[in-house]
């Protein structure tokens, strides 16, 4: 007897995740497969909150947009994949209050993923490529062990371009957040 594997959709995650208060588990959905997301470690959570705060403060000061943590986003062309980036930024032109109490079928303008001990750099780069191929314009992969980040963009040839920014460098908002600059030595706690 052949066992059929169920492929979940974004709509199924609402029920499985227990939005009615029956479950406190969080999931991402990758190609129809539910992936339970464990709680973040302390450094990971701190870096996500710091990055979101820097982005929020800058964006709010110029009415440019909004920063979120663990934001459930999917592409309307792929309802079998739901990602929850550590930090997401949307321009005010693309997403503004009132914010829906659902996942959003819209890719963030900027995504930040923070490497955890359970991640590989290949996994993070794969996530970055998925975001960029589905409409995100800029991805920062934060690498705590290296006290740096990889900046990922999609080139005109659809190839993913990756640039490493070291501990003495800074992350730029580029044309998404003109004037935004975050020096990495200010992001990471003293070692």
N, C-alpha and C. Protein backbone atom coordinates (compact mmCIF):
# COMPACT_ATOMS: atom_id res chain seq x y z
N UNK A 1 0.85 -1.18 0.00
CA UNK A 1 0.00 0.00 0.00
C UNK A 1 0.89 1.24 0.00
N UNK A 2 0.59 2.15 -0.86
CA UNK A 2 1.36 3.38 -0.98
C UNK A 2 0.82 4.42 0.00
N UNK A 3 1.73 5.03 0.75
CA UNK A 3 1.33 6.08 1.68
C UNK A 3 1.50 7.41 0.97
N UNK A 4 0.44 8.19 0.95
CA UNK A 4 0.50 9.50 0.31
C UNK A 4 0.82 10.56 1.36
N UNK A 5 1.77 11.38 1.00
CA UNK A 5 2.15 12.49 1.87
C UNK A 5 1.24 13.67 1.58
N UNK A 6 0.77 14.33 2.62
CA UNK A 6 -0.09 15.48 2.43
C UNK A 6 0.75 16.72 2.19
N UNK A 7 0.37 17.49 1.20
CA UNK A 7 1.00 18.77 0.95
C UNK A 7 0.10 19.85 1.53
N UNK A 8 0.66 20.64 2.42
CA UNK A 8 -0.09 21.71 3.05
C UNK A 8 0.01 22.98 2.23
N UNK A 9 -0.97 23.87 2.43
CA UNK A 9 -0.94 25.19 1.82
C UNK A 9 -0.90 26.23 2.93
N UNK A 10 -0.69 27.46 2.55
CA UNK A 10 -0.68 28.57 3.51
C UNK A 10 -1.98 28.58 4.31
N UNK A 11 -3.10 28.33 3.65
CA UNK A 11 -4.39 28.34 4.34
C UNK A 11 -4.48 27.27 5.42
N UNK A 12 -3.82 26.12 5.20
CA UNK A 12 -3.84 25.05 6.20
C UNK A 12 -3.07 25.43 7.47
N UNK A 13 -2.06 26.28 7.33
CA UNK A 13 -1.21 26.62 8.47
C UNK A 13 -2.02 27.32 9.56
N UNK A 14 -3.02 28.11 9.19
CA UNK A 14 -3.86 28.77 10.20
C UNK A 14 -4.46 27.76 11.16
N UNK A 15 -5.01 26.70 10.59
CA UNK A 15 -5.65 25.67 11.41
C UNK A 15 -4.63 24.89 12.23
N UNK A 16 -3.56 24.47 11.59
CA UNK A 16 -2.54 23.65 12.25
C UNK A 16 -1.84 24.44 13.35
N UNK A 17 -1.58 25.71 13.08
CA UNK A 17 -0.85 26.53 14.04
C UNK A 17 -1.70 26.90 15.24
N UNK A 18 -3.01 26.75 15.12
CA UNK A 18 -3.87 27.01 16.26
C UNK A 18 -4.11 28.49 16.52
N UNK A 19 -4.50 29.22 15.49
CA UNK A 19 -4.75 30.66 15.65
C UNK A 19 -5.93 30.91 16.57
N UNK A 20 -6.64 29.87 16.89
CA UNK A 20 -7.74 30.02 17.84
C UNK A 20 -7.26 29.86 19.28
N UNK A 21 -5.95 29.81 19.48
CA UNK A 21 -5.38 29.72 20.83
C UNK A 21 -5.14 28.31 21.29
N UNK A 22 -5.33 27.31 20.44
CA UNK A 22 -5.18 25.92 20.87
C UNK A 22 -3.75 25.42 20.79
N UNK A 23 -2.87 26.16 20.16
CA UNK A 23 -1.49 25.72 20.03
C UNK A 23 -0.56 26.91 20.06
N UNK A 24 0.59 26.72 20.67
CA UNK A 24 1.58 27.81 20.68
C UNK A 24 2.76 27.50 19.76
N UNK A 25 2.59 26.52 18.90
CA UNK A 25 3.65 26.14 17.97
C UNK A 25 3.65 27.08 16.76
N UNK A 26 4.85 27.30 16.22
CA UNK A 26 4.98 28.13 15.03
C UNK A 26 5.59 27.29 13.92
N UNK A 27 5.13 27.55 12.70
CA UNK A 27 5.58 26.76 11.56
C UNK A 27 5.97 27.66 10.39
N UNK A 28 6.90 27.15 9.60
CA UNK A 28 7.10 27.63 8.25
C UNK A 28 6.60 26.50 7.37
N UNK A 29 6.33 26.82 6.13
CA UNK A 29 5.83 25.85 5.18
C UNK A 29 6.77 25.89 3.99
N UNK A 30 7.42 24.77 3.71
CA UNK A 30 8.39 24.71 2.62
C UNK A 30 7.94 23.63 1.64
N UNK A 31 7.58 24.04 0.44
CA UNK A 31 7.12 23.12 -0.60
C UNK A 31 6.04 22.17 -0.08
N UNK A 32 5.11 22.69 0.70
CA UNK A 32 3.98 21.91 1.20
C UNK A 32 4.25 21.13 2.46
N UNK A 33 5.47 21.18 3.00
CA UNK A 33 5.83 20.44 4.21
C UNK A 33 5.90 21.40 5.40
N UNK A 34 5.22 21.04 6.48
CA UNK A 34 5.26 21.85 7.70
C UNK A 34 6.60 21.67 8.40
N UNK A 35 7.22 22.78 8.77
CA UNK A 35 8.48 22.77 9.50
C UNK A 35 8.25 23.53 10.80
N UNK A 36 8.30 22.81 11.92
CA UNK A 36 8.10 23.48 13.21
C UNK A 36 9.33 24.33 13.52
N UNK A 37 9.09 25.54 13.98
CA UNK A 37 10.16 26.48 14.28
C UNK A 37 10.42 26.50 15.79
N UNK A 38 11.61 26.08 16.19
CA UNK A 38 11.92 26.11 17.62
C UNK A 38 12.12 27.55 18.10
N UNK A 39 12.02 27.77 19.39
CA UNK A 39 12.27 29.11 19.91
C UNK A 39 13.71 29.54 19.60
N UNK A 40 13.92 30.83 19.48
CA UNK A 40 15.25 31.37 19.19
C UNK A 40 16.12 31.36 20.43
N UNK A 41 17.45 31.26 20.20
CA UNK A 41 18.35 31.40 21.34
C UNK A 41 18.45 32.88 21.70
N UNK A 42 19.09 33.20 22.81
CA UNK A 42 19.12 34.58 23.31
C UNK A 42 19.80 35.54 22.34
N UNK A 43 20.96 35.17 21.79
CA UNK A 43 21.66 36.06 20.88
C UNK A 43 20.84 36.31 19.62
N UNK A 44 20.26 35.26 19.08
CA UNK A 44 19.44 35.37 17.88
C UNK A 44 18.27 36.32 18.12
N UNK A 45 17.56 36.13 19.21
CA UNK A 45 16.41 36.98 19.53
C UNK A 45 16.84 38.43 19.75
N UNK A 46 17.96 38.61 20.41
CA UNK A 46 18.44 39.97 20.67
C UNK A 46 18.82 40.67 19.37
N UNK A 47 19.54 39.96 18.49
CA UNK A 47 19.93 40.56 17.20
C UNK A 47 18.69 40.91 16.37
N UNK A 48 17.69 40.04 16.36
CA UNK A 48 16.46 40.33 15.61
C UNK A 48 15.77 41.58 16.15
N UNK A 49 15.69 41.70 17.47
CA UNK A 49 15.02 42.87 18.04
C UNK A 49 15.83 44.14 17.78
N UNK A 50 17.15 44.05 17.85
CA UNK A 50 18.00 45.22 17.57
C UNK A 50 17.87 45.67 16.12
N UNK A 51 17.94 44.72 15.20
CA UNK A 51 17.80 45.06 13.78
C UNK A 51 16.43 45.66 13.49
N UNK A 52 15.39 45.05 14.02
CA UNK A 52 14.04 45.58 13.80
C UNK A 52 13.91 46.99 14.39
N UNK A 53 14.51 47.21 15.55
CA UNK A 53 14.43 48.54 16.18
C UNK A 53 15.15 49.59 15.34
N UNK A 54 16.34 49.27 14.84
CA UNK A 54 17.07 50.22 13.99
C UNK A 54 16.28 50.53 12.72
N UNK A 55 15.76 49.51 12.09
CA UNK A 55 14.97 49.72 10.87
C UNK A 55 13.70 50.52 11.17
N UNK A 56 13.02 50.14 12.24
CA UNK A 56 11.77 50.83 12.62
C UNK A 56 12.03 52.30 12.90
N UNK A 57 13.03 52.58 13.73
CA UNK A 57 13.29 53.96 14.10
C UNK A 57 13.61 54.82 12.88
N UNK A 58 14.41 54.30 11.98
CA UNK A 58 14.76 55.05 10.78
C UNK A 58 13.53 55.24 9.88
N UNK A 59 12.80 54.16 9.65
CA UNK A 59 11.65 54.22 8.75
C UNK A 59 10.55 55.11 9.29
N UNK A 60 10.28 55.02 10.57
CA UNK A 60 9.21 55.82 11.16
C UNK A 60 9.55 57.30 11.13
N UNK A 61 10.82 57.63 11.33
CA UNK A 61 11.22 59.03 11.35
C UNK A 61 10.95 59.72 10.01
N UNK A 62 10.94 58.97 8.93
CA UNK A 62 10.68 59.55 7.62
C UNK A 62 9.39 59.06 6.98
N UNK A 63 8.53 58.40 7.77
CA UNK A 63 7.28 57.82 7.25
C UNK A 63 7.54 56.94 6.03
N UNK A 64 8.62 56.15 6.10
CA UNK A 64 9.04 55.34 4.95
C UNK A 64 8.42 53.95 4.93
N UNK A 65 8.18 53.36 6.10
CA UNK A 65 7.66 52.01 6.13
C UNK A 65 7.66 51.42 7.52
N UNK A 66 7.64 50.08 7.57
CA UNK A 66 7.44 49.36 8.82
C UNK A 66 8.33 48.13 8.90
N UNK A 67 8.86 47.88 10.09
CA UNK A 67 9.69 46.70 10.35
C UNK A 67 8.90 45.72 11.22
N UNK A 68 9.08 44.44 10.94
CA UNK A 68 8.38 43.37 11.65
C UNK A 68 9.36 42.28 12.04
N UNK A 69 9.03 41.51 13.07
CA UNK A 69 9.79 40.31 13.41
C UNK A 69 8.88 39.09 13.19
N UNK A 70 9.50 37.99 12.74
CA UNK A 70 8.80 36.72 12.49
C UNK A 70 7.49 36.93 11.74
N UNK A 71 7.57 37.62 10.64
CA UNK A 71 6.43 37.99 9.82
C UNK A 71 6.11 36.87 8.86
N UNK A 72 4.88 36.35 8.86
CA UNK A 72 4.48 35.28 7.95
C UNK A 72 4.16 35.83 6.57
N UNK A 73 5.02 35.53 5.59
CA UNK A 73 4.83 36.04 4.23
C UNK A 73 4.92 34.90 3.23
N UNK A 74 4.12 35.03 2.18
CA UNK A 74 4.16 34.04 1.11
C UNK A 74 3.95 34.76 -0.22
N UNK A 75 4.32 34.10 -1.27
CA UNK A 75 4.09 34.62 -2.61
C UNK A 75 2.77 34.08 -3.11
N UNK A 76 1.98 34.93 -3.73
CA UNK A 76 0.70 34.46 -4.25
C UNK A 76 0.89 33.43 -5.37
N UNK A 77 2.09 33.33 -5.90
CA UNK A 77 2.37 32.32 -6.93
C UNK A 77 2.85 30.99 -6.33
N UNK A 78 2.98 30.94 -4.99
CA UNK A 78 3.48 29.72 -4.33
C UNK A 78 2.81 29.57 -2.97
N UNK A 79 1.60 29.04 -2.95
CA UNK A 79 0.87 28.89 -1.69
C UNK A 79 1.28 27.65 -0.91
N UNK A 80 2.37 26.97 -1.36
CA UNK A 80 2.91 25.84 -0.62
C UNK A 80 4.16 26.22 0.16
N UNK A 81 4.50 27.50 0.17
CA UNK A 81 5.66 27.96 0.92
C UNK A 81 5.28 29.22 1.69
N UNK A 82 5.50 29.17 2.98
CA UNK A 82 5.26 30.30 3.89
C UNK A 82 6.53 30.48 4.69
N UNK A 83 7.12 31.63 4.59
CA UNK A 83 8.36 31.92 5.31
C UNK A 83 8.08 32.90 6.44
N UNK A 84 8.91 32.83 7.46
CA UNK A 84 8.82 33.75 8.59
C UNK A 84 10.21 34.33 8.84
N UNK A 85 10.60 35.35 8.06
CA UNK A 85 11.94 35.92 8.25
C UNK A 85 12.09 36.49 9.65
N UNK A 86 13.33 36.48 10.13
CA UNK A 86 13.59 37.02 11.47
C UNK A 86 13.17 38.49 11.54
N UNK A 87 13.47 39.25 10.50
CA UNK A 87 13.07 40.65 10.41
C UNK A 87 12.63 40.90 8.97
N UNK A 88 11.56 41.66 8.82
CA UNK A 88 11.07 42.03 7.50
C UNK A 88 10.76 43.52 7.50
N UNK A 89 11.07 44.16 6.39
CA UNK A 89 10.75 45.58 6.22
C UNK A 89 9.90 45.75 4.97
N UNK A 90 8.82 46.52 5.09
CA UNK A 90 7.96 46.87 3.97
C UNK A 90 7.91 48.39 3.86
N UNK A 91 7.99 48.88 2.64
CA UNK A 91 7.77 50.30 2.43
C UNK A 91 6.30 50.60 2.71
N UNK A 92 6.02 51.83 3.12
CA UNK A 92 4.64 52.24 3.42
C UNK A 92 3.76 52.16 2.18
N UNK A 93 4.35 52.28 1.00
CA UNK A 93 3.57 52.19 -0.24
C UNK A 93 3.05 50.78 -0.47
N UNK A 94 3.73 49.79 0.10
CA UNK A 94 3.35 48.40 -0.16
C UNK A 94 2.54 47.78 0.96
N UNK A 95 2.74 48.22 2.20
CA UNK A 95 2.00 47.65 3.33
C UNK A 95 1.89 48.72 4.42
N UNK A 96 0.67 49.06 4.75
CA UNK A 96 0.42 50.10 5.76
C UNK A 96 -0.72 49.68 6.67
N UNK A 97 -0.82 50.29 7.85
CA UNK A 97 -1.94 49.99 8.75
C UNK A 97 -3.27 50.33 8.08
N UNK A 98 -4.32 49.66 8.48
CA UNK A 98 -4.35 48.61 9.49
C UNK A 98 -3.75 47.32 8.93
N UNK A 99 -2.92 46.68 9.74
CA UNK A 99 -2.28 45.44 9.32
C UNK A 99 -3.24 44.28 9.49
N UNK A 100 -3.27 43.37 8.52
CA UNK A 100 -4.18 42.22 8.61
C UNK A 100 -3.76 41.26 9.72
N UNK A 101 -4.71 40.53 10.23
CA UNK A 101 -4.42 39.51 11.24
C UNK A 101 -4.30 38.15 10.55
N UNK A 102 -3.63 38.16 9.43
CA UNK A 102 -3.41 36.96 8.63
C UNK A 102 -1.98 37.01 8.11
N UNK A 103 -1.58 35.94 7.46
CA UNK A 103 -0.32 35.98 6.72
C UNK A 103 -0.55 36.88 5.52
N UNK A 104 0.52 37.42 4.97
CA UNK A 104 0.38 38.36 3.87
C UNK A 104 0.98 37.76 2.60
N UNK A 105 0.23 37.81 1.53
CA UNK A 105 0.69 37.32 0.24
C UNK A 105 1.48 38.38 -0.49
N UNK A 106 2.56 38.79 0.15
CA UNK A 106 3.39 39.87 -0.35
C UNK A 106 4.78 39.69 0.23
N UNK A 107 5.78 39.77 -0.60
CA UNK A 107 7.15 39.62 -0.13
C UNK A 107 7.65 40.95 0.45
N UNK A 108 8.36 40.88 1.59
CA UNK A 108 8.95 42.10 2.15
C UNK A 108 9.94 42.72 1.17
N UNK A 109 10.14 44.02 1.27
CA UNK A 109 11.16 44.70 0.47
C UNK A 109 12.55 44.26 0.91
N UNK A 110 12.73 44.15 2.22
CA UNK A 110 14.00 43.75 2.83
C UNK A 110 13.74 42.62 3.81
N UNK A 111 14.55 41.59 3.74
CA UNK A 111 14.46 40.46 4.67
C UNK A 111 15.79 40.32 5.38
N UNK A 112 15.72 40.03 6.68
CA UNK A 112 16.91 39.72 7.47
C UNK A 112 16.73 38.32 8.05
N UNK A 113 17.70 37.46 7.78
CA UNK A 113 17.76 36.14 8.39
C UNK A 113 19.04 36.08 9.22
N UNK A 114 18.92 35.57 10.44
CA UNK A 114 20.05 35.48 11.35
C UNK A 114 20.43 34.02 11.48
N UNK A 115 21.70 33.74 11.27
CA UNK A 115 22.16 32.35 11.33
C UNK A 115 22.09 31.83 12.76
N UNK A 116 21.49 30.66 12.90
CA UNK A 116 21.42 29.96 14.18
C UNK A 116 22.40 28.79 14.13
N UNK A 117 22.75 28.22 15.28
CA UNK A 117 23.64 27.06 15.28
C UNK A 117 23.11 25.90 14.44
N UNK A 118 21.79 25.81 14.27
CA UNK A 118 21.21 24.70 13.51
C UNK A 118 21.18 24.97 12.00
N UNK A 119 21.54 26.18 11.56
CA UNK A 119 21.56 26.53 10.14
C UNK A 119 22.92 26.25 9.51
N UNK A 120 22.89 26.08 8.21
CA UNK A 120 24.12 26.12 7.42
C UNK A 120 24.05 27.37 6.55
N UNK A 121 25.19 27.84 6.09
CA UNK A 121 25.19 29.01 5.21
C UNK A 121 24.46 28.67 3.91
N UNK A 122 24.56 27.43 3.46
CA UNK A 122 23.86 27.02 2.24
C UNK A 122 22.34 27.15 2.41
N UNK A 123 21.82 26.76 3.58
CA UNK A 123 20.39 26.90 3.85
C UNK A 123 19.97 28.37 3.82
N UNK A 124 20.77 29.22 4.45
CA UNK A 124 20.43 30.64 4.47
C UNK A 124 20.48 31.24 3.07
N UNK A 125 21.47 30.86 2.30
CA UNK A 125 21.55 31.38 0.92
C UNK A 125 20.38 30.88 0.07
N UNK A 126 19.95 29.66 0.33
CA UNK A 126 18.78 29.12 -0.38
C UNK A 126 17.53 29.94 -0.04
N UNK A 127 17.37 30.28 1.24
CA UNK A 127 16.25 31.13 1.65
C UNK A 127 16.35 32.49 0.98
N UNK A 128 17.54 33.07 0.98
CA UNK A 128 17.73 34.39 0.36
C UNK A 128 17.33 34.33 -1.11
N UNK A 129 17.75 33.28 -1.81
CA UNK A 129 17.42 33.14 -3.23
C UNK A 129 15.91 33.05 -3.41
N UNK A 130 15.24 32.29 -2.55
CA UNK A 130 13.78 32.16 -2.65
C UNK A 130 13.11 33.52 -2.48
N UNK A 131 13.51 34.25 -1.44
CA UNK A 131 12.93 35.59 -1.23
C UNK A 131 13.13 36.47 -2.46
N UNK A 132 14.35 36.52 -2.94
CA UNK A 132 14.67 37.40 -4.07
C UNK A 132 13.93 36.98 -5.34
N UNK A 133 13.78 35.70 -5.56
CA UNK A 133 13.07 35.21 -6.75
C UNK A 133 11.57 35.47 -6.68
N UNK A 134 11.07 35.75 -5.47
CA UNK A 134 9.63 35.98 -5.29
C UNK A 134 9.31 37.45 -4.98
N UNK A 135 10.26 38.35 -5.17
CA UNK A 135 9.93 39.78 -5.07
C UNK A 135 10.64 40.61 -4.03
N UNK A 136 11.34 39.97 -3.09
CA UNK A 136 12.13 40.75 -2.13
C UNK A 136 13.29 41.39 -2.88
N UNK A 137 13.64 42.60 -2.50
CA UNK A 137 14.69 43.31 -3.25
C UNK A 137 16.06 43.20 -2.60
N UNK A 138 16.11 42.97 -1.29
CA UNK A 138 17.39 42.95 -0.58
C UNK A 138 17.29 41.99 0.60
N UNK A 139 18.33 41.16 0.79
CA UNK A 139 18.36 40.22 1.91
C UNK A 139 19.69 40.38 2.64
N UNK A 140 19.60 40.49 3.96
CA UNK A 140 20.80 40.49 4.80
C UNK A 140 20.83 39.18 5.57
N UNK A 141 21.90 38.42 5.43
CA UNK A 141 22.11 37.20 6.20
C UNK A 141 23.12 37.54 7.29
N UNK A 142 22.67 37.61 8.52
CA UNK A 142 23.53 38.01 9.64
C UNK A 142 24.23 36.78 10.18
N UNK A 143 25.55 36.88 10.29
CA UNK A 143 26.39 35.75 10.70
C UNK A 143 27.07 36.09 12.02
N UNK A 144 26.43 35.75 13.15
CA UNK A 144 26.99 36.12 14.45
C UNK A 144 28.41 35.63 14.70
N UNK A 145 28.73 34.40 14.27
CA UNK A 145 30.07 33.87 14.51
C UNK A 145 31.15 34.68 13.81
N UNK A 146 30.80 35.30 12.70
CA UNK A 146 31.76 36.11 11.94
C UNK A 146 31.60 37.60 12.22
N UNK A 147 30.59 37.93 13.04
CA UNK A 147 30.29 39.33 13.38
C UNK A 147 30.14 40.16 12.10
N UNK A 148 29.50 39.54 11.12
CA UNK A 148 29.31 40.19 9.83
C UNK A 148 27.99 39.77 9.21
N UNK A 149 27.85 40.10 7.93
CA UNK A 149 26.62 39.77 7.22
C UNK A 149 26.91 39.59 5.74
N UNK A 150 26.09 38.78 5.11
CA UNK A 150 26.11 38.69 3.66
C UNK A 150 24.94 39.50 3.14
N UNK A 151 25.21 40.34 2.17
CA UNK A 151 24.18 41.13 1.52
C UNK A 151 23.87 40.46 0.19
N UNK A 152 22.61 40.11 -0.02
CA UNK A 152 22.20 39.36 -1.21
C UNK A 152 21.24 40.20 -2.05
N UNK A 153 21.51 40.22 -3.33
CA UNK A 153 20.68 40.93 -4.30
C UNK A 153 20.53 40.04 -5.52
N UNK A 154 19.47 40.26 -6.27
CA UNK A 154 19.30 39.53 -7.53
C UNK A 154 19.79 40.42 -8.65
N UNK A 155 20.73 39.91 -9.44
CA UNK A 155 21.25 40.66 -10.57
C UNK A 155 20.29 40.68 -11.73
N UNK A 156 20.58 41.50 -12.71
CA UNK A 156 19.73 41.61 -13.89
C UNK A 156 19.63 40.28 -14.64
N UNK A 157 20.65 39.44 -14.50
CA UNK A 157 20.64 38.13 -15.15
C UNK A 157 19.94 37.07 -14.30
N UNK A 158 19.24 37.50 -13.24
CA UNK A 158 18.52 36.64 -12.29
C UNK A 158 19.46 35.85 -11.38
N UNK A 159 20.75 36.05 -11.52
CA UNK A 159 21.73 35.40 -10.66
C UNK A 159 21.76 36.13 -9.30
N UNK A 160 21.92 35.37 -8.23
CA UNK A 160 21.99 35.96 -6.89
C UNK A 160 23.42 36.41 -6.64
N UNK A 161 23.57 37.66 -6.30
CA UNK A 161 24.88 38.26 -6.00
C UNK A 161 25.00 38.35 -4.48
N UNK A 162 26.15 37.90 -3.94
CA UNK A 162 26.38 37.89 -2.50
C UNK A 162 27.65 38.68 -2.20
N UNK A 163 27.54 39.58 -1.23
CA UNK A 163 28.68 40.39 -0.82
C UNK A 163 28.81 40.29 0.70
N UNK A 164 29.99 39.93 1.19
CA UNK A 164 30.23 39.84 2.63
C UNK A 164 30.62 41.22 3.17
N UNK A 165 29.99 41.59 4.29
CA UNK A 165 30.33 42.82 5.00
C UNK A 165 30.88 42.39 6.36
N UNK A 166 32.12 42.74 6.62
CA UNK A 166 32.79 42.33 7.85
C UNK A 166 32.48 43.21 9.04
N UNK A 167 33.09 42.87 10.18
CA UNK A 167 32.80 43.56 11.45
C UNK A 167 33.03 45.08 11.43
N UNK A 168 33.93 45.54 10.57
CA UNK A 168 34.20 46.98 10.50
C UNK A 168 33.29 47.67 9.49
N UNK A 169 32.47 46.91 8.77
CA UNK A 169 31.61 47.48 7.74
C UNK A 169 30.24 47.85 8.25
N UNK A 170 29.38 48.22 7.33
CA UNK A 170 28.02 48.60 7.71
C UNK A 170 27.02 48.11 6.67
N UNK A 171 25.79 47.95 7.12
CA UNK A 171 24.70 47.58 6.24
C UNK A 171 24.01 48.85 5.77
N UNK A 172 23.69 48.89 4.51
CA UNK A 172 23.07 50.08 3.91
C UNK A 172 21.63 49.76 3.50
N UNK A 173 20.78 50.75 3.63
CA UNK A 173 19.40 50.62 3.17
C UNK A 173 19.27 50.77 1.67
N UNK A 174 20.37 51.13 1.02
CA UNK A 174 20.42 51.30 -0.43
C UNK A 174 19.25 52.16 -0.89
N UNK A 175 18.60 51.80 -1.99
CA UNK A 175 17.49 52.64 -2.48
C UNK A 175 16.17 52.33 -1.76
N UNK A 176 16.14 51.28 -0.93
CA UNK A 176 14.93 50.97 -0.16
C UNK A 176 14.75 51.92 1.02
N UNK A 177 15.84 52.21 1.68
CA UNK A 177 15.86 53.11 2.84
C UNK A 177 17.02 54.08 2.65
N UNK A 178 16.88 55.03 1.73
CA UNK A 178 17.99 55.94 1.46
C UNK A 178 18.48 56.64 2.73
N UNK A 179 19.78 56.55 2.95
CA UNK A 179 20.38 57.18 4.12
C UNK A 179 20.53 56.25 5.32
N UNK A 180 19.89 55.08 5.28
CA UNK A 180 20.02 54.15 6.41
C UNK A 180 21.39 53.49 6.36
N UNK A 181 22.05 53.48 7.51
CA UNK A 181 23.36 52.83 7.62
C UNK A 181 23.46 52.26 9.04
N UNK A 182 23.82 51.00 9.14
CA UNK A 182 23.99 50.35 10.44
C UNK A 182 25.39 49.76 10.51
N UNK A 183 26.21 50.35 11.35
CA UNK A 183 27.57 49.84 11.53
C UNK A 183 27.49 48.54 12.33
N UNK A 184 28.11 47.49 11.79
CA UNK A 184 28.01 46.17 12.42
C UNK A 184 28.64 46.13 13.81
N UNK A 185 29.67 46.93 14.02
CA UNK A 185 30.27 46.93 15.37
C UNK A 185 29.31 47.45 16.41
N UNK A 186 28.28 48.21 15.99
CA UNK A 186 27.26 48.68 16.93
C UNK A 186 26.13 47.68 17.09
N UNK A 187 26.02 46.75 16.14
CA UNK A 187 24.96 45.76 16.19
C UNK A 187 25.28 44.63 17.15
N UNK A 188 26.48 44.10 17.07
CA UNK A 188 26.82 42.93 17.86
C UNK A 188 27.23 43.33 19.28
N UNK A 189 26.78 42.57 20.28
CA UNK A 189 27.19 42.88 21.64
C UNK A 189 28.70 42.63 21.81
N UNK A 190 29.33 43.33 22.75
CA UNK A 190 30.77 43.10 22.97
C UNK A 190 31.03 41.62 23.28
N UNK A 191 32.16 41.12 22.76
CA UNK A 191 32.46 39.69 23.01
C UNK A 191 33.38 39.52 24.19
